[in-house]
Protein backbone atom coordinates (compact mmCIF):
# COMPACT_ATOMS: atom_id res chain seq x y z
CA UNK A 1 65.98 53.57 22.92
CA UNK A 2 64.02 53.90 19.68
CA UNK A 3 62.35 50.98 17.96
CA UNK A 4 62.16 51.17 14.18
CA UNK A 5 59.47 49.06 12.49
CA UNK A 6 60.51 47.57 9.20
CA UNK A 7 58.87 49.35 6.30
CA UNK A 8 57.18 47.42 3.53
CA UNK A 9 59.20 47.26 0.36
CA UNK A 10 56.69 49.38 -1.60
CA UNK A 11 55.12 51.36 1.25
CA UNK A 12 52.31 50.84 3.72
CA UNK A 13 49.53 51.67 1.27
CA UNK A 14 50.52 48.94 -1.14
CA UNK A 15 51.06 46.54 1.74
CA UNK A 16 47.52 47.21 3.04
CA UNK A 17 46.17 46.61 -0.44
CA UNK A 18 47.97 43.30 -0.69
CA UNK A 19 46.68 42.21 2.71
CA UNK A 20 43.15 43.26 1.71
CA UNK A 21 43.38 41.16 -1.44
CA UNK A 22 44.52 38.15 0.59
CA UNK A 23 41.68 38.61 3.13
CA UNK A 24 39.16 39.04 0.33
CA UNK A 25 40.44 35.90 -1.33
CA UNK A 26 40.08 33.94 1.92
CA UNK A 27 36.55 35.24 2.42
CA UNK A 28 35.60 34.34 -1.13
CA UNK A 29 37.05 30.85 -0.67
CA UNK A 30 35.15 30.36 2.59
CA UNK A 31 31.95 31.64 1.02
CA UNK A 32 32.38 29.33 -1.96
CA UNK A 33 32.98 26.39 0.38
CA UNK A 34 29.82 27.20 2.32
CA UNK A 35 27.86 27.56 -0.92
CA UNK A 36 29.09 24.19 -2.19
CA UNK A 37 28.24 22.57 1.16
CA UNK A 38 24.77 24.15 1.19
CA UNK A 39 24.21 22.97 -2.39
CA UNK A 40 25.35 19.46 -1.43
CA UNK A 41 22.93 19.24 1.48
CA UNK A 42 20.12 20.68 -0.61
CA UNK A 43 20.59 17.83 -3.07
CA UNK A 44 20.83 15.31 -0.21
CA UNK A 45 17.54 16.51 1.31
CA UNK A 46 15.87 16.54 -2.12
CA UNK A 47 17.00 13.00 -2.98
CA UNK A 48 16.07 11.71 0.48
CA UNK A 49 12.61 13.23 0.29
CA UNK A 50 12.07 11.66 -3.13
CA UNK A 51 12.98 8.25 -1.70
CA UNK A 52 10.75 8.79 1.35
CA UNK A 53 7.86 9.93 -0.86
CA UNK A 54 8.19 6.80 -3.03
CA UNK A 55 8.26 4.56 0.06
CA UNK A 56 5.22 6.22 1.59
CA UNK A 57 3.31 6.14 -1.71
CA UNK A 58 3.74 2.39 -1.74
CA UNK A 59 2.67 2.13 1.93
CA UNK A 60 -0.42 4.20 1.19
CA UNK A 61 -1.21 1.85 -1.70
CA UNK A 62 -0.88 -1.12 0.68
CA UNK A 63 -3.35 0.57 3.00
CA UNK A 64 -5.75 1.28 0.14
CA UNK A 65 -5.49 -2.33 -1.06
CA UNK A 66 -6.54 -3.61 2.36
CA UNK A 67 -9.29 -1.00 2.58
CA UNK A 68 -10.74 -2.23 -0.73
CA UNK A 69 -11.14 -5.69 0.87
CA UNK A 70 -13.11 -4.31 3.79
CA UNK A 71 -16.62 -5.12 2.57
CA UNK A 72 -15.79 -8.72 1.69
CA UNK A 73 -13.91 -9.23 4.96
CA UNK A 74 -16.93 -7.94 6.89
CA UNK A 75 -19.19 -10.36 5.03
CA UNK A 76 -16.80 -13.25 5.63
CA UNK A 77 -16.44 -12.43 9.34
CA UNK A 78 -20.24 -12.36 9.67
CA UNK A 79 -20.49 -15.81 8.08
CA UNK A 80 -17.77 -17.17 10.34
CA UNK A 81 -19.55 -15.67 13.32
CA UNK A 82 -22.76 -17.45 12.32
CA UNK A 83 -20.82 -20.70 11.75
CA UNK A 84 -19.26 -20.55 15.22
CA UNK A 85 -22.59 -19.72 16.87
CA UNK A 86 -24.30 -22.64 15.14
CA UNK A 87 -21.57 -24.99 16.36
CA UNK A 88 -21.84 -23.50 19.84
CA UNK A 89 -25.58 -24.23 19.77
CA UNK A 90 -24.92 -27.89 19.00
CA UNK A 91 -25.63 -27.78 15.26
CA UNK A 92 -23.03 -29.49 13.08
CA UNK A 93 -22.39 -26.96 10.35
CA UNK A 94 -19.62 -27.35 7.80
CA UNK A 95 -18.23 -24.60 5.61
CA UNK A 96 -18.75 -24.98 1.87
CA UNK A 97 -15.18 -24.08 1.00
CA UNK A 98 -11.81 -23.28 2.56
CA UNK A 99 -11.53 -19.96 4.35
CA UNK A 100 -9.76 -17.56 2.00
CA UNK A 101 -8.19 -14.69 3.89
CA UNK A 102 -7.07 -11.25 2.75
CA UNK A 103 -3.63 -10.82 1.21
CA UNK A 104 -1.44 -8.02 2.47
CA UNK A 105 1.39 -5.96 1.07
CA UNK A 106 4.15 -5.26 3.56
CA UNK A 107 4.62 -1.79 4.98
CA UNK A 108 8.10 -0.44 4.24
CA UNK A 109 9.99 2.00 6.45
CA UNK A 110 13.64 1.30 5.51
CA UNK A 111 14.28 4.70 3.90
CA UNK A 112 12.88 6.62 6.86
CA UNK A 113 14.68 4.44 9.41
CA UNK A 114 18.02 4.91 7.63
CA UNK A 115 17.73 8.68 7.14
CA UNK A 116 20.60 10.37 8.99
CA UNK A 117 20.31 13.15 11.51
CA UNK A 118 22.29 15.49 9.22
CA UNK A 119 19.64 15.24 6.52
CA UNK A 120 16.77 15.41 9.01
CA UNK A 121 18.16 18.57 10.61
CA UNK A 122 18.06 20.32 7.23
CA UNK A 123 14.53 19.23 6.35
CA UNK A 124 11.71 21.78 6.84
CA UNK A 125 10.16 21.31 10.27
CA UNK A 126 6.56 20.97 9.05
CA UNK A 127 7.49 18.34 6.47
CA UNK A 128 9.55 16.47 9.04
CA UNK A 129 6.64 16.38 11.51
CA UNK A 130 4.18 15.23 8.84
CA UNK A 131 6.56 12.49 7.69
CA UNK A 132 7.04 11.32 11.28
CA UNK A 133 3.29 11.24 11.94
CA UNK A 134 2.55 9.36 8.72
CA UNK A 135 5.28 6.78 9.32
CA UNK A 136 4.06 6.29 12.89
CA UNK A 137 0.57 5.60 11.57
CA UNK A 138 1.89 3.18 8.94
CA UNK A 139 3.88 1.24 11.53
CA UNK A 140 0.78 0.93 13.72
CA UNK A 141 -1.17 -0.24 10.68
CA UNK A 142 1.48 -2.89 10.05
CA UNK A 143 1.04 -4.15 13.62
CA UNK A 144 -2.70 -4.39 13.04
CA UNK A 145 -2.13 -6.42 9.85
CA UNK A 146 0.17 -8.82 11.68
CA UNK A 147 -2.37 -9.34 14.44
CA UNK A 148 -5.15 -9.80 11.90
CA UNK A 149 -3.09 -12.39 10.00
CA UNK A 150 -2.56 -14.30 13.25
CA UNK A 151 -6.31 -14.36 13.89
CA UNK A 152 -7.04 -15.62 10.38
CA UNK A 153 -4.50 -18.40 10.95
CA UNK A 154 -6.43 -19.52 14.02
CA UNK A 155 -9.74 -19.57 12.15
CA UNK A 156 -8.25 -21.41 9.15
CA UNK A 157 -6.87 -24.12 11.47
CA UNK A 158 -10.48 -25.09 12.33
CA UNK A 159 -12.08 -24.62 8.90
CA UNK A 160 -12.72 -28.34 8.37
CA UNK A 161 -14.33 -28.83 11.78
CA UNK A 162 -18.07 -29.26 12.18
CA UNK A 163 -17.78 -29.52 15.94
CA UNK A 164 -15.61 -27.66 18.48
CA UNK A 165 -15.04 -28.16 22.20
CA UNK A 166 -15.41 -25.28 24.65
CA UNK A 167 -11.76 -24.20 24.45
CA UNK A 168 -11.64 -24.37 20.66
CA UNK A 169 -14.90 -22.48 20.35
CA UNK A 170 -13.63 -19.74 22.64
CA UNK A 171 -10.43 -19.43 20.62
CA UNK A 172 -12.27 -19.27 17.30
CA UNK A 173 -14.82 -16.72 18.50
CA UNK A 174 -12.10 -14.52 19.98
CA UNK A 175 -10.23 -14.63 16.66
CA UNK A 176 -13.38 -13.73 14.70
CA UNK A 177 -14.08 -10.78 17.00
CA UNK A 178 -10.51 -9.55 16.55
CA UNK A 179 -10.90 -9.81 12.77
CA UNK A 180 -14.07 -7.72 12.96
CA UNK A 181 -12.33 -5.08 15.07
CA UNK A 182 -9.29 -4.93 12.79
CA UNK A 183 -11.48 -4.64 9.72
CA UNK A 184 -13.40 -1.71 11.19
CA UNK A 185 -10.23 -0.01 12.41
CA UNK A 186 -8.67 0.07 8.92
CA UNK A 187 -10.84 3.12 8.21
CA UNK A 188 -9.10 5.01 11.02
CA UNK A 189 -5.70 4.48 9.40
CA UNK A 190 -7.14 5.60 6.06
CA UNK A 191 -8.34 8.84 7.65
CA UNK A 192 -4.97 9.51 9.27
CA UNK A 193 -3.14 8.58 6.09
CA UNK A 194 -5.22 11.02 4.05
CA UNK A 195 -4.65 13.77 6.60
CA UNK A 196 -0.86 13.69 6.51
CA UNK A 197 -0.37 12.58 2.91
CA UNK A 198 -2.41 15.54 1.67
CA UNK A 199 -0.11 17.92 3.56
CA UNK A 200 2.89 16.27 1.90
CA UNK A 201 1.30 16.10 -1.54
CA UNK A 202 1.47 12.29 -1.63
CA UNK A 203 -0.80 9.81 -3.38
CA UNK A 204 -0.92 6.01 -3.24
CA UNK A 205 1.13 4.16 -5.82
CA UNK A 206 -1.12 3.41 -8.79
CA UNK A 207 -0.84 -0.39 -8.97
CA UNK A 208 0.88 -1.99 -6.02
CA UNK A 209 -0.02 -5.50 -7.17
CA UNK A 210 1.85 -5.17 -10.46
CA UNK A 211 2.73 -8.64 -11.76
CA UNK A 212 0.71 -10.13 -8.92
CA UNK A 213 -2.48 -8.43 -10.12
CA UNK A 214 -4.05 -11.63 -11.46
CA UNK A 215 -3.38 -13.52 -8.23
CA UNK A 216 -4.60 -10.58 -6.15
CA UNK A 217 -7.84 -10.36 -8.13
CA UNK A 218 -8.44 -14.10 -7.79
CA UNK A 219 -7.86 -13.92 -4.04
CA UNK A 220 -10.20 -10.97 -3.66
CA UNK A 221 -12.92 -12.75 -5.63
CA UNK A 222 -12.54 -15.86 -3.48
CA UNK A 223 -12.71 -13.69 -0.38
CA UNK A 224 -16.15 -12.46 -1.46
CA UNK A 225 -17.57 -15.89 -2.21
CA UNK A 226 -20.04 -17.22 0.45
CA UNK A 227 -18.95 -19.85 2.93
CA UNK A 228 -22.38 -21.02 4.04
């Protein structure tokens, strides 16, 4: 029994050509789709990195702002240390003025925290690692600022005292020592920030205080004024 295959209407050669055109069209369509998708993700990565860079530039400015207060904070902590020691020795010593403490600008990580895995997977590995390291350092710096603020709150609560009992004195001296440690440790975060920001081509935002500049300057001046 013979099987006869149906012949194309215009011959096998023309049929093969038509099939080839169809296949080529499908391949072109798939290639165009991949190109459009690649272009889309390129824009997504670019826009995300711009947002991350802006967020980190502000965080670096917050770090620099606190670093600029370092000398006055060290001076103030030394005066408070002397004040607490005098009280501990039985001398009634009052501070000349209220204890002004440093002002801080919050560390922001919202952009980084909300960045999806799709975008992250398409980001260059080196940039991704540098971003992760810098954000990790900034989050640790934020924890240090929170702890430092808590210690200042303790000291301020006793600023009008000229006498302290044993428990109060211990609490105040522990807070002052923590303030000293935090103030010295700010330099470590500056070093780490410079290391990773330089690899990413980032610089601190020019004026983080903005409309608060006058208040910030007043606070910084008060921070440098003597207490004793």
